[in-house]
Amino acid sequence: MKRRLSTAILALSLTTAAAGCYGSNGAFNAIHDWNGQVTGDKWANSAVHLALWIVPVYELALLGDLIIFNTIEHFTGSNPFGK
């Protein structure tokens, strides 16, 4: 079981690296920019930032960027988030 998991992780890593689709991480940056506009209070922004890491919003955005959005940006030449 452990060997299958490590093989799957290696295959996913190689597939992503082989495509050369390093992008601008538009989904993550859009959420992060939104967090900066929630309030003018730095403590509230920090609390929202922490909550977005705990709830896995940032993690899902980074995963979407890694697998989907950066790949689209690589092959089409345009950012799906318009930045």
Protein backbone atom coordinates (compact mmCIF):
# COMPACT_ATOMS: atom_id res chain seq x y z
CA MET A 1 0.00 0.00 0.00
CA LYS A 2 2.76 2.40 0.96
CA ARG A 3 4.67 1.59 -2.22
CA ARG A 4 1.60 2.29 -4.37
CA LEU A 5 1.08 5.66 -2.71
CA SER A 6 4.68 6.70 -3.20
CA THR A 7 4.53 5.55 -6.84
CA ALA A 8 1.36 7.58 -7.40
CA ILE A 9 2.91 10.67 -5.82
CA LEU A 10 6.04 10.28 -7.94
CA ALA A 11 3.97 9.83 -11.12
CA LEU A 12 1.89 12.93 -10.36
CA SER A 13 5.03 14.96 -9.64
CA LEU A 14 6.71 13.85 -12.86
CA THR A 15 3.59 14.52 -14.92
CA THR A 16 3.34 18.06 -13.62
CA ALA A 17 7.06 18.72 -13.95
CA ALA A 18 7.21 17.25 -17.44
CA ALA A 19 4.54 19.63 -18.70
CA GLY A 20 6.64 22.58 -17.57
CA CYS A 21 3.48 24.37 -16.54
CA TYR A 22 4.77 26.69 -13.87
CA GLY A 23 2.26 29.51 -13.84
CA SER A 24 1.23 32.56 -11.91
CA ASN A 25 -1.00 30.68 -9.41
CA GLY A 26 -4.01 32.82 -10.27
CA ALA A 27 -6.53 31.06 -8.02
CA PHE A 28 -4.33 31.32 -4.93
CA ASN A 29 -3.42 34.94 -5.67
CA ALA A 30 -7.07 35.89 -6.27
CA ILE A 31 -8.07 34.50 -2.87
CA HIS A 32 -5.06 36.09 -1.20
CA ASP A 33 -5.84 39.49 -2.79
CA TRP A 34 -9.47 39.18 -1.71
CA ASN A 35 -8.30 38.54 1.86
CA GLY A 36 -6.33 41.79 1.79
CA GLN A 37 -9.52 43.69 0.94
CA VAL A 38 -11.78 42.11 3.59
CA THR A 39 -11.18 44.86 6.12
CA GLY A 40 -8.59 47.50 6.82
CA ASP A 41 -7.73 45.86 10.13
CA LYS A 42 -4.55 43.78 10.08
CA TRP A 43 -5.78 41.53 12.90
CA ALA A 44 -9.00 40.67 11.05
CA ASN A 45 -7.02 39.96 7.86
CA SER A 46 -4.69 37.70 9.83
CA ALA A 47 -7.64 35.83 11.34
CA VAL A 48 -9.24 35.35 7.91
CA HIS A 49 -5.87 34.25 6.50
CA LEU A 50 -5.48 31.65 9.25
CA ALA A 51 -9.06 30.46 8.79
CA LEU A 52 -8.50 30.04 5.04
CA TRP A 53 -5.50 27.78 5.76
CA ILE A 54 -7.39 25.76 8.40
CA VAL A 55 -10.52 25.26 6.28
CA PRO A 56 -8.25 24.22 3.29
CA VAL A 57 -9.34 26.98 0.91
CA TYR A 58 -5.73 27.94 0.15
CA GLU A 59 -4.70 24.31 -0.20
CA LEU A 60 -7.47 23.56 -2.71
CA ALA A 61 -6.66 26.73 -4.65
CA LEU A 62 -2.99 25.74 -4.88
CA LEU A 63 -3.93 22.22 -5.94
CA GLY A 64 -6.26 23.62 -8.61
CA ASP A 65 -3.48 25.91 -9.80
CA LEU A 66 -0.99 23.06 -9.92
CA ILE A 67 -3.17 20.60 -11.78
CA ILE A 68 -5.62 22.69 -13.82
CA PHE A 69 -5.16 26.45 -14.06
CA ASN A 70 -1.38 26.69 -14.53
CA THR A 71 -1.61 23.97 -17.19
CA ILE A 72 -4.31 25.96 -19.03
CA GLU A 73 -2.16 29.07 -18.74
CA HIS A 74 0.86 27.19 -20.10
CA PHE A 75 -0.87 25.81 -23.18
CA THR A 76 -3.12 28.78 -24.03
CA GLY A 77 -0.77 31.57 -23.03
CA SER A 78 -3.46 33.41 -21.05
CA ASN A 79 -4.26 33.34 -17.37
CA PRO A 80 -7.75 31.92 -16.64
CA PHE A 81 -8.11 34.54 -13.88
CA GLY A 82 -7.33 37.48 -16.17
CA LYS A 83 -4.25 38.76 -14.38
